[in-house]
Amino acid sequence: MLIREEFEKMEHQILSPYASFSDGSKGRERKEESCDIRTDYQRDRDRILHSKAFRRLKHKTQVFLSPGGDHYRTRLTHTLEVSQIARTISKALRLNEDLTEAIALGHDLGHTPFGHAGERALSTAMGAPFKHNEQSVRVVERLEKEGAGLNLTWEVRDGIRNHKISGNPATLEGEVVRISDKIAYVNHDIDDGIRAGILTEEDLPALCTYVLGHSTRDRIDSVIHDVIRNSEGKSHICLSKEYEEALFNLRTFMFSYLYTNPKAKGEEKKAAKMIELLYAYYLARPEEMPEEYQRMIDEGEEKRVIVCDYIAGMSDNYAVSCFQNIYIPTAWGGI
């Protein structure tokens, strides 16, 4: 028996009947021969981990643009924290940890440079809503590997597409990632806000901290325990009403006091203008984009979509470098 087949057999012996079994996947868009060692979900996790889009997350904004310290979250560290929380919950509920990890690692691959400011700027430039969850799916289906995509399983792509609050994942593993994303960003953004001197622990709503805890560590721990207690043996993932209200009230507080705070977001107008100017430039000069993007236009893809793909894939640093090369005069070296 192949090692992969042993893993698949073990899943049926160990995992919950509500779990997504590797040998029951709806499969990939393009048929492939199975790996002799790894299950399909393990292969998907590895493909995401080794992708260029995943590596670029280390230089993409989470909340603070170009923070002065090394300890602020980036989109990559956010992704790793979501993965850790989601794996903890999945393991406790005897769900498929490999599927959970693959969805978690891929859920933000489509995020723009400069966080949600970049997302809003691309929406303005295109005249249509830019949705990072849909862009994450486009990354794995079309943009990675120079237009070939990663050819991931249906379940992983579904989980990535539906990780937003409004999403409706088809698997419990996808539901775990959706709630883990909120647990992670609400709490680590509080931690970064306190580090930046914008918030203090005492600023947080007392009714929320009374339920959830009085530190980042305690809040994450208590919400994870609540999810596990209330989801065990059920066909859906849920929080208790008390914890759900407290977590989402805390999230609302963060939108009012951090995500729109001028001290944290003072540079966003500059970043947004940069994105809009880059979009206009490459729309007029698509031949200056890398060859793989030009090829997709030649294959019939809409030019404005491909320009959006290119800019959305940029790291903060690369977007600034492109802008400087295009719009900032270079010092002349002559005498």
Protein backbone atom coordinates (compact mmCIF):
# COMPACT_ATOMS: atom_id res chain seq x y z
CA MET A 1 0.00 0.00 0.00
CA LEU A 2 1.27 3.49 -0.88
CA ILE A 3 2.02 5.91 1.97
CA ARG A 4 -0.71 8.22 0.66
CA GLU A 5 -3.25 5.43 0.79
CA GLU A 6 -2.26 4.69 4.39
CA PHE A 7 -2.86 8.34 5.27
CA GLU A 8 -6.26 8.26 3.56
CA LYS A 9 -7.19 5.09 5.44
CA MET A 10 -6.10 6.65 8.75
CA GLU A 11 -8.30 9.68 8.10
CA HIS A 12 -11.39 7.45 8.03
CA GLN A 13 -10.32 5.84 11.31
CA ILE A 14 -9.46 9.04 13.19
CA LEU A 15 -11.37 12.01 11.81
CA SER A 16 -14.91 13.12 12.60
CA PRO A 17 -17.68 12.03 10.22
CA TYR A 18 -18.09 15.77 9.51
CA ALA A 19 -14.49 16.08 8.25
CA SER A 20 -13.51 16.36 4.58
CA PHE A 21 -11.67 13.17 3.63
CA SER A 22 -8.79 13.45 1.19
CA ASP A 23 -9.99 10.54 -0.94
CA GLY A 24 -13.42 12.16 -1.23
CA SER A 25 -12.29 15.40 -2.84
CA LYS A 26 -14.20 16.73 -5.84
CA GLY A 27 -10.81 16.91 -7.50
CA ARG A 28 -8.88 19.36 -9.64
CA GLU A 29 -9.83 21.21 -12.82
CA ARG A 30 -7.05 19.34 -14.65
CA LYS A 31 -6.61 15.64 -13.91
CA GLU A 32 -3.30 14.66 -12.34
CA GLU A 33 -1.72 11.46 -11.20
CA SER A 34 -1.88 11.18 -7.40
CA CYS A 35 1.27 11.49 -5.30
CA ASP A 36 2.55 8.28 -3.75
CA ILE A 37 3.37 10.02 -0.43
CA ARG A 38 1.08 13.03 0.06
CA THR A 39 -2.68 13.33 0.02
CA ASP A 40 -4.28 15.84 -2.35
CA TYR A 41 -4.74 18.41 0.42
CA GLN A 42 -1.12 18.03 1.55
CA ARG A 43 0.00 18.67 -2.02
CA ASP A 44 -2.19 21.79 -2.19
CA ARG A 45 -0.69 23.11 1.03
CA ASP A 46 2.82 22.59 -0.35
CA ARG A 47 2.01 24.23 -3.68
CA ILE A 48 0.71 27.34 -1.91
CA LEU A 49 3.69 27.43 0.46
CA HIS A 50 6.14 27.31 -2.46
CA SER A 51 4.28 29.86 -4.61
CA LYS A 52 5.65 33.31 -5.46
CA ALA A 53 2.43 34.96 -4.29
CA PHE A 54 2.91 33.46 -0.82
CA ARG A 55 6.47 34.78 -0.56
CA ARG A 56 5.35 38.29 -1.54
CA LEU A 57 3.03 38.44 1.48
CA LYS A 58 6.03 39.22 3.70
CA HIS A 59 6.18 42.72 2.16
CA LYS A 60 2.45 43.45 2.06
CA THR A 61 0.69 45.66 4.61
CA GLN A 62 -1.58 44.23 7.27
CA VAL A 63 -2.64 47.47 9.04
CA PHE A 64 0.38 49.77 9.32
CA LEU A 65 2.04 51.03 6.13
CA SER A 66 5.84 50.80 6.28
CA PRO A 67 5.97 50.44 10.08
CA GLY A 68 9.09 51.62 11.86
CA GLY A 69 9.57 48.44 13.89
CA ASP A 70 10.18 44.79 13.08
CA HIS A 71 7.41 43.47 15.31
CA TYR A 72 4.33 44.74 13.47
CA ARG A 73 2.31 42.17 11.54
CA THR A 74 2.56 41.85 7.79
CA ARG A 75 0.14 39.99 5.55
CA LEU A 76 2.44 36.96 5.84
CA THR A 77 2.56 36.85 9.63
CA HIS A 78 -1.21 37.37 9.70
CA THR A 79 -1.58 34.35 7.41
CA LEU A 80 0.63 32.21 9.66
CA GLU A 81 -1.35 33.22 12.75
CA VAL A 82 -4.62 32.34 11.02
CA SER A 83 -3.14 28.98 10.07
CA GLN A 84 -2.03 28.25 13.63
CA ILE A 85 -5.44 29.11 15.12
CA ALA A 86 -7.32 27.18 12.43
CA ARG A 87 -5.15 24.09 12.83
CA THR A 88 -5.67 24.11 16.59
CA ILE A 89 -9.45 24.21 16.17
CA SER A 90 -9.46 21.61 13.38
CA LYS A 91 -7.31 19.16 15.32
CA ALA A 92 -9.50 19.48 18.41
CA LEU A 93 -12.65 18.86 16.34
CA ARG A 94 -10.98 15.99 14.43
CA LEU A 95 -11.35 17.76 11.09
CA ASN A 96 -8.89 17.54 8.20
CA GLU A 97 -5.94 19.61 9.37
CA ASP A 98 -4.21 19.47 5.97
CA LEU A 99 -7.21 20.95 4.17
CA THR A 100 -7.57 23.60 6.88
CA GLU A 101 -3.91 24.57 6.58
CA ALA A 102 -4.05 24.79 2.78
CA ILE A 103 -7.08 27.11 2.89
CA ALA A 104 -5.52 29.25 5.63
CA LEU A 105 -2.19 29.65 3.82
CA GLY A 106 -3.95 30.60 0.58
CA HIS A 107 -6.76 32.80 1.88
CA ASP A 108 -5.01 36.18 1.40
CA LEU A 109 -2.82 35.53 -1.65
CA GLY A 110 -4.84 38.05 -3.67
CA HIS A 111 -4.45 40.98 -1.30
CA THR A 112 -3.14 44.19 -2.84
CA PRO A 113 -0.13 46.20 -1.72
CA PHE A 114 -0.93 48.66 1.10
CA GLY A 115 -3.74 46.54 2.53
CA HIS A 116 -7.34 47.60 2.12
CA ALA A 117 -6.23 51.05 0.90
CA GLY A 118 -4.85 49.33 -2.21
CA GLU A 119 -8.05 47.34 -2.56
CA ARG A 120 -10.15 50.53 -2.52
CA ALA A 121 -7.78 52.26 -4.96
CA LEU A 122 -8.04 49.42 -7.49
CA SER A 123 -11.82 49.44 -7.13
CA THR A 124 -11.81 53.15 -7.97
CA ALA A 125 -9.40 52.73 -10.88
CA MET A 126 -11.33 49.83 -12.41
CA GLY A 127 -14.79 51.21 -11.72
CA ALA A 128 -15.76 47.86 -10.20
CA PRO A 129 -15.33 46.31 -6.75
CA PHE A 130 -12.00 44.60 -6.19
CA LYS A 131 -12.52 41.59 -3.91
CA HIS A 132 -9.37 40.10 -2.45
CA ASN A 133 -10.99 36.70 -1.84
CA GLU A 134 -11.90 36.36 -5.52
CA GLN A 135 -8.46 37.61 -6.48
CA SER A 136 -6.89 34.96 -4.22
CA VAL A 137 -8.76 32.30 -6.20
CA ARG A 138 -7.62 33.89 -9.46
CA VAL A 139 -4.02 33.76 -8.21
CA VAL A 140 -4.15 30.00 -7.64
CA GLU A 141 -6.28 29.22 -10.70
CA ARG A 142 -4.65 31.46 -13.31
CA LEU A 143 -1.79 33.72 -12.28
CA GLU A 144 0.70 31.46 -10.55
CA LYS A 145 3.27 29.50 -12.56
CA GLU A 146 3.22 32.07 -15.37
CA GLY A 147 -0.45 31.64 -16.18
CA ALA A 148 -0.80 27.90 -15.56
CA GLY A 149 -2.13 28.21 -11.99
CA LEU A 150 -1.58 25.75 -9.16
CA ASN A 151 -4.44 23.41 -10.12
CA LEU A 152 -5.67 23.06 -6.52
CA THR A 153 -8.56 20.89 -5.38
CA TRP A 154 -12.10 22.22 -5.42
CA GLU A 155 -12.33 22.23 -1.60
CA VAL A 156 -9.27 24.44 -1.13
CA ARG A 157 -10.45 26.93 -3.75
CA ASP A 158 -13.92 26.99 -2.19
CA GLY A 159 -12.46 27.71 1.25
CA ILE A 160 -10.29 30.53 -0.08
CA ARG A 161 -13.22 32.11 -1.94
CA ASN A 162 -15.52 31.94 1.07
CA HIS A 163 -13.25 33.03 3.92
CA LYS A 164 -14.93 36.44 4.29
CA ILE A 165 -17.73 36.92 6.83
CA SER A 166 -20.29 36.91 4.01
CA GLY A 167 -18.92 33.63 2.63
CA ASN A 168 -20.54 30.22 2.91
CA PRO A 169 -17.81 27.55 2.80
CA ALA A 170 -18.84 24.09 1.67
CA THR A 171 -16.59 22.35 4.23
CA LEU A 172 -16.20 22.64 7.99
CA GLU A 173 -12.50 23.22 7.40
CA GLY A 174 -13.43 26.29 5.35
CA GLU A 175 -15.70 27.46 8.16
CA VAL A 176 -12.85 27.05 10.64
CA VAL A 177 -10.58 29.27 8.53
CA ARG A 178 -13.32 31.89 8.15
CA ILE A 179 -13.73 32.29 11.93
CA SER A 180 -9.98 31.92 12.58
CA ASP A 181 -9.28 34.85 10.25
CA LYS A 182 -11.48 37.09 12.41
CA ILE A 183 -10.02 35.77 15.68
CA ALA A 184 -6.50 36.45 14.38
CA TYR A 185 -6.85 39.92 12.90
CA VAL A 186 -9.04 41.43 15.61
CA ASN A 187 -6.60 40.37 18.30
CA HIS A 188 -3.26 40.90 16.59
CA ASP A 189 -4.39 44.28 15.27
CA ILE A 190 -5.18 45.28 18.87
CA ASP A 191 -1.69 44.14 19.83
CA ASP A 192 -0.14 46.23 17.03
CA GLY A 193 -2.34 49.21 17.92
CA ILE A 194 -1.11 49.06 21.52
CA ARG A 195 2.49 48.71 20.30
CA ALA A 196 2.02 51.83 18.16
CA GLY A 197 0.65 53.83 21.09
CA ILE A 198 -2.73 54.32 19.39
CA LEU A 199 -4.66 52.07 21.79
CA THR A 200 -4.32 50.87 25.34
CA GLU A 201 -5.87 47.78 26.86
CA GLU A 202 -8.09 50.09 28.92
CA ASP A 203 -9.54 51.67 25.74
CA LEU A 204 -11.18 48.40 24.71
CA PRO A 205 -14.91 48.01 25.44
CA ALA A 206 -15.24 46.63 28.96
CA LEU A 207 -18.20 44.41 28.04
CA CYS A 208 -16.04 42.72 25.38
CA THR A 209 -12.95 42.21 27.49
CA TYR A 210 -15.05 40.95 30.42
CA VAL A 211 -16.19 38.07 28.20
CA LEU A 212 -13.10 37.51 26.05
CA GLY A 213 -10.20 38.38 28.34
CA HIS A 214 -7.86 41.22 29.19
CA SER A 215 -4.88 40.41 26.95
CA THR A 216 -4.31 39.30 23.36
CA ARG A 217 -3.19 35.88 24.55
CA ASP A 218 -6.21 35.38 26.83
CA ARG A 219 -8.69 36.53 24.18
CA ILE A 220 -7.36 34.21 21.50
CA ASP A 221 -7.29 31.30 23.94
CA SER A 222 -10.81 31.91 25.23
CA VAL A 223 -12.38 32.29 21.77
CA ILE A 224 -10.67 29.12 20.50
CA HIS A 225 -12.05 27.19 23.49
CA ASP A 226 -15.52 28.63 22.87
CA VAL A 227 -15.47 27.61 19.20
CA ILE A 228 -14.44 24.07 20.10
CA ARG A 229 -17.03 23.71 22.89
CA ASN A 230 -19.87 24.94 20.69
CA SER A 231 -18.90 23.11 17.48
CA GLU A 232 -18.03 19.65 18.80
CA GLY A 233 -20.22 16.98 17.23
CA LYS A 234 -22.04 19.50 15.01
CA SER A 235 -22.23 19.93 11.26
CA HIS A 236 -21.26 23.61 11.46
CA ILE A 237 -18.69 25.81 13.22
CA CYS A 238 -20.03 28.35 15.66
CA LEU A 239 -19.39 30.51 18.70
CA SER A 240 -21.72 30.86 21.65
CA LYS A 241 -24.02 33.86 21.33
CA GLU A 242 -22.18 35.67 24.14
CA TYR A 243 -18.75 35.21 22.56
CA GLU A 244 -19.94 35.95 19.04
CA GLU A 245 -21.44 39.27 20.13
CA ALA A 246 -18.32 40.18 22.12
CA LEU A 247 -15.94 39.35 19.24
CA PHE A 248 -17.92 41.23 16.61
CA ASN A 249 -18.46 44.22 18.92
CA LEU A 250 -14.71 44.29 19.42
CA ARG A 251 -14.28 44.16 15.64
CA THR A 252 -16.67 47.11 15.26
CA PHE A 253 -14.66 49.03 17.86
CA MET A 254 -11.48 48.37 15.85
CA PHE A 255 -13.02 49.81 12.68
CA SER A 256 -13.90 52.98 14.58
CA TYR A 257 -10.73 53.46 16.62
CA LEU A 258 -7.87 51.84 14.67
CA TYR A 259 -8.70 51.01 11.06
CA THR A 260 -9.78 54.61 10.38
CA ASN A 261 -7.38 56.31 12.84
CA PRO A 262 -5.36 59.09 11.11
CA LYS A 263 -2.22 58.11 13.05
CA ALA A 264 -2.35 54.58 11.62
CA LYS A 265 -3.79 55.50 8.24
CA GLY A 266 -2.27 58.93 7.54
CA GLU A 267 -0.22 57.68 4.58
CA GLU A 268 -3.07 55.79 2.89
CA LYS A 269 -4.05 58.64 0.56
CA LYS A 270 -0.53 58.66 -0.84
CA ALA A 271 -0.58 54.89 -1.30
CA ALA A 272 -3.99 55.00 -3.00
CA LYS A 273 -2.86 57.75 -5.40
CA MET A 274 0.23 55.71 -6.22
CA ILE A 275 -1.92 52.67 -7.09
CA GLU A 276 -4.26 54.74 -9.27
CA LEU A 277 -1.33 56.29 -11.18
CA LEU A 278 0.33 52.90 -11.69
CA TYR A 279 -2.94 51.48 -12.99
CA ALA A 280 -3.37 54.35 -15.50
CA TYR A 281 0.25 54.02 -16.62
CA TYR A 282 0.20 50.27 -17.32
CA LEU A 283 -3.25 50.46 -18.89
CA ALA A 284 -1.78 52.86 -21.46
CA ARG A 285 1.51 50.90 -21.75
CA PRO A 286 0.77 47.18 -21.21
CA GLU A 287 3.97 46.33 -23.11
CA GLU A 288 5.92 47.46 -20.04
CA MET A 289 4.44 44.72 -17.88
CA PRO A 290 6.25 41.35 -17.60
CA GLU A 291 5.90 39.01 -20.55
CA GLU A 292 3.53 36.59 -18.77
CA TYR A 293 0.93 39.37 -18.34
CA GLN A 294 1.29 40.53 -21.93
CA ARG A 295 0.78 36.95 -23.07
CA MET A 296 -2.53 36.71 -21.18
CA ILE A 297 -3.75 39.85 -22.98
CA ASP A 298 -2.72 38.27 -26.29
CA GLU A 299 -4.71 35.16 -25.29
CA GLY A 300 -7.86 37.28 -25.04
CA GLU A 301 -7.99 38.36 -21.39
CA GLU A 302 -9.31 41.88 -20.81
CA LYS A 303 -6.46 44.39 -20.55
CA ARG A 304 -7.84 46.21 -17.50
CA VAL A 305 -8.17 42.90 -15.63
CA ILE A 306 -4.57 41.93 -16.40
CA VAL A 307 -3.28 45.34 -15.31
CA CYS A 308 -5.24 44.87 -12.09
CA ASP A 309 -3.68 41.41 -11.68
CA TYR A 310 -0.19 42.84 -12.07
CA ILE A 311 -0.65 45.68 -9.58
CA ALA A 312 -2.56 43.56 -7.05
CA GLY A 313 0.32 41.09 -7.04
CA MET A 314 2.91 43.74 -6.19
CA SER A 315 4.46 43.97 -2.75
CA ASP A 316 4.47 47.38 -1.07
CA ASN A 317 8.19 47.74 -1.83
CA TYR A 318 7.85 46.79 -5.49
CA ALA A 319 4.91 49.17 -6.03
CA VAL A 320 6.95 52.05 -4.58
CA SER A 321 9.93 51.08 -6.75
CA CYS A 322 7.79 50.99 -9.91
CA PHE A 323 6.27 54.35 -9.07
CA GLN A 324 9.69 55.90 -8.48
CA ASN A 325 11.06 54.52 -11.75
CA ILE A 326 8.10 55.86 -13.71
CA TYR A 327 7.31 59.19 -12.06
CA ILE A 328 10.37 60.35 -10.06
CA PRO A 329 13.27 61.88 -12.02
CA THR A 330 16.54 59.99 -11.72
CA ALA A 331 19.58 62.03 -10.66
CA TRP A 332 21.77 62.84 -13.66
CA GLY A 333 25.35 61.70 -13.30
CA GLY A 334 26.97 64.05 -15.78
CA ILE A 335 29.06 67.17 -15.00
